[in-house]
């Protein structure tokens, strides 16, 4: 989380953290599912529904990306909310999945 906060200062954007455990009302969240390969189970990621508006650019920050399934789920949430990926900052990628990203991501 400190990395996301520091990175959000650069373009001057709001900070929102995605969670894999839902501790708030489901109706107030955007949600996407992905398969967590380490545990071989279906997992969800949640963002508050008011975190991303139509036309909002989103800077995604991830410290370590193993198989990129989590990031693909975040991409889906951003798309569902009507936003777009403004930028992507990954410190360490343990796979080559980033090579499959579209050029406009």
N, C-alpha and C. Protein backbone atom coordinates (compact mmCIF):
# COMPACT_ATOMS: atom_id res chain seq x y z
N UNK A 1 0.80 -1.18 0.00
CA UNK A 1 0.00 0.00 0.00
C UNK A 1 0.86 1.27 0.00
N UNK A 2 1.97 1.36 0.73
CA UNK A 2 2.78 2.58 0.67
C UNK A 2 3.26 2.89 -0.75
N UNK A 3 3.55 1.85 -1.55
CA UNK A 3 3.98 2.08 -2.92
C UNK A 3 2.87 2.75 -3.71
N UNK A 4 1.63 2.29 -3.55
CA UNK A 4 0.50 2.88 -4.27
C UNK A 4 0.30 4.33 -3.86
N UNK A 5 0.43 4.61 -2.58
CA UNK A 5 0.26 5.99 -2.11
C UNK A 5 1.33 6.90 -2.69
N UNK A 6 2.57 6.42 -2.70
CA UNK A 6 3.67 7.22 -3.24
C UNK A 6 3.48 7.44 -4.75
N UNK A 7 3.09 6.40 -5.47
CA UNK A 7 2.91 6.50 -6.91
C UNK A 7 1.74 7.42 -7.27
N UNK A 8 0.71 7.45 -6.44
CA UNK A 8 -0.45 8.29 -6.74
C UNK A 8 -0.13 9.77 -6.60
N UNK A 9 0.88 10.11 -5.84
CA UNK A 9 1.28 11.51 -5.68
C UNK A 9 1.85 12.08 -6.97
N UNK A 10 2.51 11.25 -7.75
CA UNK A 10 3.16 11.71 -8.97
C UNK A 10 2.16 12.34 -9.95
N UNK A 11 1.08 11.61 -10.37
CA UNK A 11 0.12 12.26 -11.28
C UNK A 11 -0.97 13.04 -10.53
N UNK A 12 -0.95 13.01 -9.21
CA UNK A 12 -1.94 13.72 -8.42
C UNK A 12 -3.31 13.09 -8.47
N UNK A 13 -3.37 11.77 -8.41
CA UNK A 13 -4.65 11.08 -8.49
C UNK A 13 -5.07 10.53 -7.13
N UNK A 14 -6.35 10.15 -7.05
CA UNK A 14 -6.86 9.55 -5.83
C UNK A 14 -6.30 8.15 -5.68
N UNK A 15 -6.31 7.62 -4.48
CA UNK A 15 -5.81 6.28 -4.21
C UNK A 15 -6.96 5.39 -3.78
N UNK A 16 -7.03 4.21 -4.35
CA UNK A 16 -8.03 3.22 -3.98
C UNK A 16 -7.34 1.86 -3.96
N UNK A 17 -7.61 1.08 -2.95
CA UNK A 17 -6.97 -0.22 -2.79
C UNK A 17 -7.99 -1.32 -3.06
N UNK A 18 -7.62 -2.30 -3.89
CA UNK A 18 -8.47 -3.46 -4.13
C UNK A 18 -8.29 -4.48 -3.01
N UNK A 19 -9.39 -5.09 -2.60
CA UNK A 19 -9.35 -6.08 -1.52
C UNK A 19 -9.86 -7.42 -2.01
N UNK A 20 -9.32 -8.51 -1.45
CA UNK A 20 -9.80 -9.84 -1.79
C UNK A 20 -10.78 -10.38 -0.76
N UNK A 21 -10.97 -9.64 0.33
CA UNK A 21 -11.98 -10.01 1.34
C UNK A 21 -12.98 -8.88 1.43
N UNK A 22 -14.23 -9.24 1.42
CA UNK A 22 -15.29 -8.24 1.45
C UNK A 22 -15.74 -8.02 2.87
N UNK A 23 -15.46 -6.86 3.40
CA UNK A 23 -15.86 -6.53 4.76
C UNK A 23 -16.91 -5.44 4.78
N UNK A 24 -17.44 -5.11 3.60
CA UNK A 24 -18.47 -4.09 3.50
C UNK A 24 -19.61 -4.64 2.66
N UNK A 25 -20.64 -3.85 2.45
CA UNK A 25 -21.81 -4.32 1.72
C UNK A 25 -21.47 -4.63 0.26
N UNK A 26 -21.97 -5.77 -0.21
CA UNK A 26 -21.69 -6.22 -1.58
C UNK A 26 -22.21 -5.22 -2.60
N UNK A 27 -23.38 -4.65 -2.38
CA UNK A 27 -23.98 -3.72 -3.33
C UNK A 27 -23.18 -2.46 -3.55
N UNK A 28 -22.25 -2.17 -2.68
CA UNK A 28 -21.46 -0.95 -2.79
C UNK A 28 -20.08 -1.21 -3.38
N UNK A 29 -19.91 -2.38 -4.01
CA UNK A 29 -18.60 -2.75 -4.55
C UNK A 29 -18.70 -3.22 -5.99
N UNK A 30 -17.63 -2.96 -6.73
CA UNK A 30 -17.42 -3.60 -8.02
C UNK A 30 -16.58 -4.83 -7.74
N UNK A 31 -16.83 -5.90 -8.48
CA UNK A 31 -16.18 -7.17 -8.17
C UNK A 31 -15.81 -7.90 -9.45
N UNK A 32 -14.67 -8.57 -9.41
CA UNK A 32 -14.25 -9.46 -10.50
C UNK A 32 -13.58 -10.68 -9.87
N UNK A 33 -13.67 -11.80 -10.57
CA UNK A 33 -13.11 -13.06 -10.07
C UNK A 33 -11.88 -13.44 -10.88
N UNK A 34 -11.00 -14.18 -10.23
CA UNK A 34 -9.82 -14.73 -10.90
C UNK A 34 -9.40 -15.99 -10.17
N UNK A 35 -8.58 -16.80 -10.83
CA UNK A 35 -8.10 -18.04 -10.22
C UNK A 35 -6.74 -17.78 -9.61
N UNK A 36 -6.65 -18.02 -8.31
CA UNK A 36 -5.39 -17.87 -7.58
C UNK A 36 -4.61 -19.18 -7.77
N UNK A 37 -3.59 -19.15 -8.62
CA UNK A 37 -2.89 -20.38 -8.99
C UNK A 37 -2.15 -21.03 -7.84
N UNK A 38 -1.63 -20.23 -6.91
CA UNK A 38 -0.91 -20.81 -5.77
C UNK A 38 -1.79 -21.76 -4.97
N UNK A 39 -3.05 -21.38 -4.80
CA UNK A 39 -3.97 -22.18 -3.98
C UNK A 39 -4.98 -22.94 -4.82
N UNK A 40 -4.96 -22.71 -6.15
CA UNK A 40 -5.88 -23.37 -7.08
C UNK A 40 -7.33 -23.16 -6.65
N UNK A 41 -7.69 -21.90 -6.45
CA UNK A 41 -9.06 -21.58 -6.05
C UNK A 41 -9.52 -20.28 -6.71
N UNK A 42 -10.84 -20.14 -6.81
CA UNK A 42 -11.44 -18.94 -7.35
C UNK A 42 -11.43 -17.86 -6.27
N UNK A 43 -10.96 -16.68 -6.61
CA UNK A 43 -10.84 -15.58 -5.66
C UNK A 43 -11.50 -14.35 -6.27
N UNK A 44 -11.96 -13.46 -5.44
CA UNK A 44 -12.58 -12.22 -5.90
C UNK A 44 -11.73 -11.04 -5.47
N UNK A 45 -11.80 -9.98 -6.25
CA UNK A 45 -11.22 -8.70 -5.86
C UNK A 45 -12.35 -7.68 -5.89
N UNK A 46 -12.35 -6.80 -4.90
CA UNK A 46 -13.42 -5.82 -4.73
C UNK A 46 -12.86 -4.41 -4.68
N UNK A 47 -13.58 -3.49 -5.28
CA UNK A 47 -13.28 -2.06 -5.18
C UNK A 47 -14.57 -1.34 -4.84
N UNK A 48 -14.52 -0.29 -4.04
CA UNK A 48 -15.73 0.49 -3.79
C UNK A 48 -16.32 0.98 -5.11
N UNK A 49 -17.64 0.90 -5.26
CA UNK A 49 -18.28 1.24 -6.53
C UNK A 49 -18.10 2.70 -6.93
N UNK A 50 -17.83 3.57 -5.98
CA UNK A 50 -17.64 4.99 -6.31
C UNK A 50 -16.16 5.35 -6.51
N UNK A 51 -15.28 4.38 -6.53
CA UNK A 51 -13.84 4.65 -6.65
C UNK A 51 -13.44 5.05 -8.06
N UNK A 52 -14.15 4.54 -9.06
CA UNK A 52 -13.82 4.80 -10.46
C UNK A 52 -15.08 5.29 -11.16
N UNK A 53 -14.98 6.44 -11.80
CA UNK A 53 -16.12 6.98 -12.54
C UNK A 53 -15.91 6.84 -14.04
N UNK A 54 -16.96 7.10 -14.79
CA UNK A 54 -16.87 7.04 -16.25
C UNK A 54 -15.83 8.04 -16.74
N UNK A 55 -14.94 7.56 -17.57
CA UNK A 55 -13.89 8.41 -18.13
C UNK A 55 -12.68 8.61 -17.24
N UNK A 56 -12.68 8.02 -16.05
CA UNK A 56 -11.52 8.16 -15.15
C UNK A 56 -10.34 7.33 -15.65
N UNK A 57 -9.16 7.95 -15.65
CA UNK A 57 -7.93 7.21 -15.91
C UNK A 57 -7.44 6.62 -14.60
N UNK A 58 -6.98 5.38 -14.64
CA UNK A 58 -6.59 4.67 -13.43
C UNK A 58 -5.13 4.24 -13.54
N UNK A 59 -4.34 4.60 -12.54
CA UNK A 59 -2.96 4.13 -12.43
C UNK A 59 -2.99 2.90 -11.53
N UNK A 60 -2.62 1.76 -12.05
CA UNK A 60 -2.59 0.51 -11.28
C UNK A 60 -1.18 0.31 -10.77
N UNK A 61 -1.06 0.03 -9.47
CA UNK A 61 0.25 -0.18 -8.85
C UNK A 61 0.24 -1.54 -8.18
N UNK A 62 1.22 -2.36 -8.49
CA UNK A 62 1.35 -3.70 -7.91
C UNK A 62 2.81 -3.93 -7.61
N UNK A 63 3.10 -4.38 -6.40
CA UNK A 63 4.51 -4.60 -6.05
C UNK A 63 5.06 -5.86 -6.72
N UNK A 64 4.40 -7.01 -6.58
CA UNK A 64 4.85 -8.26 -7.20
C UNK A 64 3.68 -8.88 -7.94
N UNK A 65 3.86 -9.16 -9.23
CA UNK A 65 2.83 -9.80 -10.04
C UNK A 65 3.30 -11.20 -10.38
N UNK A 66 2.59 -12.20 -9.89
CA UNK A 66 2.99 -13.58 -10.15
C UNK A 66 2.47 -14.06 -11.49
N UNK A 67 1.15 -14.20 -11.61
CA UNK A 67 0.60 -14.71 -12.87
C UNK A 67 -0.32 -13.70 -13.57
N UNK A 68 -0.47 -12.52 -13.03
CA UNK A 68 -1.23 -11.41 -13.59
C UNK A 68 -2.74 -11.63 -13.59
N UNK A 69 -3.23 -12.69 -13.01
CA UNK A 69 -4.68 -12.91 -12.96
C UNK A 69 -5.36 -11.80 -12.15
N UNK A 70 -4.74 -11.39 -11.04
CA UNK A 70 -5.29 -10.31 -10.22
C UNK A 70 -5.39 -9.02 -11.05
N UNK A 71 -4.35 -8.72 -11.81
CA UNK A 71 -4.35 -7.49 -12.61
C UNK A 71 -5.41 -7.55 -13.71
N UNK A 72 -5.60 -8.71 -14.31
CA UNK A 72 -6.65 -8.84 -15.33
C UNK A 72 -8.02 -8.60 -14.70
N UNK A 73 -8.21 -9.06 -13.47
CA UNK A 73 -9.48 -8.81 -12.77
C UNK A 73 -9.66 -7.31 -12.53
N UNK A 74 -8.59 -6.63 -12.15
CA UNK A 74 -8.67 -5.17 -11.95
C UNK A 74 -8.99 -4.48 -13.27
N UNK A 75 -8.37 -4.92 -14.38
CA UNK A 75 -8.69 -4.35 -15.69
C UNK A 75 -10.18 -4.48 -15.97
N UNK A 76 -10.76 -5.65 -15.65
CA UNK A 76 -12.19 -5.88 -15.88
C UNK A 76 -13.05 -4.92 -15.06
N UNK A 77 -12.67 -4.70 -13.81
CA UNK A 77 -13.42 -3.77 -12.96
C UNK A 77 -13.36 -2.35 -13.53
N UNK A 78 -12.19 -1.93 -13.95
CA UNK A 78 -12.03 -0.60 -14.52
C UNK A 78 -12.91 -0.44 -15.75
N UNK A 79 -12.90 -1.46 -16.60
CA UNK A 79 -13.72 -1.43 -17.81
C UNK A 79 -15.21 -1.38 -17.45
N UNK A 80 -15.62 -2.19 -16.50
CA UNK A 80 -17.02 -2.22 -16.06
C UNK A 80 -17.47 -0.86 -15.52
N UNK A 81 -16.57 -0.16 -14.84
CA UNK A 81 -16.90 1.15 -14.27
C UNK A 81 -16.88 2.27 -15.31
N UNK A 82 -16.38 1.98 -16.51
CA UNK A 82 -16.32 3.00 -17.55
C UNK A 82 -15.03 3.79 -17.56
N UNK A 83 -14.05 3.35 -16.80
CA UNK A 83 -12.75 4.01 -16.77
C UNK A 83 -11.80 3.40 -17.78
N UNK A 84 -10.56 3.82 -17.73
CA UNK A 84 -9.54 3.24 -18.59
C UNK A 84 -8.22 3.17 -17.83
N UNK A 85 -7.34 2.29 -18.26
CA UNK A 85 -6.04 2.15 -17.61
C UNK A 85 -5.14 3.28 -18.11
N UNK A 86 -4.82 4.20 -17.20
CA UNK A 86 -3.95 5.33 -17.52
C UNK A 86 -2.50 4.89 -17.51
N UNK A 87 -2.17 3.99 -16.58
CA UNK A 87 -0.82 3.51 -16.46
C UNK A 87 -0.76 2.28 -15.58
N UNK A 88 0.35 1.59 -15.65
CA UNK A 88 0.55 0.36 -14.89
C UNK A 88 1.98 0.35 -14.37
N UNK A 89 2.11 0.22 -13.05
CA UNK A 89 3.43 0.16 -12.42
C UNK A 89 3.53 -1.16 -11.66
N UNK A 90 4.41 -2.03 -12.14
CA UNK A 90 4.68 -3.31 -11.47
C UNK A 90 6.18 -3.34 -11.18
N UNK A 91 6.52 -3.52 -9.91
CA UNK A 91 7.92 -3.51 -9.52
C UNK A 91 8.62 -4.78 -9.97
N UNK A 92 8.00 -5.94 -9.72
CA UNK A 92 8.58 -7.23 -10.08
C UNK A 92 7.50 -8.10 -10.73
N UNK A 93 7.80 -8.64 -11.90
CA UNK A 93 6.91 -9.61 -12.55
C UNK A 93 7.60 -10.96 -12.54
N UNK A 94 6.95 -11.95 -11.94
CA UNK A 94 7.53 -13.29 -11.83
C UNK A 94 7.18 -14.14 -13.05
N UNK A 95 6.36 -13.62 -13.94
CA UNK A 95 6.00 -14.34 -15.16
C UNK A 95 6.19 -13.42 -16.36
N UNK A 96 5.98 -13.96 -17.54
CA UNK A 96 6.05 -13.18 -18.77
C UNK A 96 4.67 -12.75 -19.25
N UNK A 97 3.65 -12.84 -18.40
CA UNK A 97 2.29 -12.50 -18.79
C UNK A 97 2.15 -11.06 -19.26
N UNK A 98 3.01 -10.17 -18.80
CA UNK A 98 2.94 -8.77 -19.19
C UNK A 98 3.15 -8.61 -20.69
N UNK A 99 3.82 -9.55 -21.33
CA UNK A 99 4.06 -9.47 -22.77
C UNK A 99 2.78 -9.61 -23.58
N UNK A 100 1.72 -10.17 -22.95
CA UNK A 100 0.45 -10.37 -23.64
C UNK A 100 -0.51 -9.21 -23.49
N UNK A 101 -0.12 -8.15 -22.80
CA UNK A 101 -0.98 -6.99 -22.62
C UNK A 101 -1.11 -6.24 -23.95
N UNK A 102 -2.30 -5.71 -24.22
CA UNK A 102 -2.44 -4.89 -25.42
C UNK A 102 -1.57 -3.64 -25.33
N UNK A 103 -1.16 -3.12 -26.44
CA UNK A 103 -0.27 -1.96 -26.46
C UNK A 103 -0.90 -0.71 -25.86
N UNK A 104 -2.23 -0.64 -25.86
CA UNK A 104 -2.89 0.56 -25.33
C UNK A 104 -3.13 0.47 -23.83
N UNK A 105 -2.60 -0.57 -23.15
CA UNK A 105 -2.76 -0.71 -21.71
C UNK A 105 -1.64 -0.02 -20.98
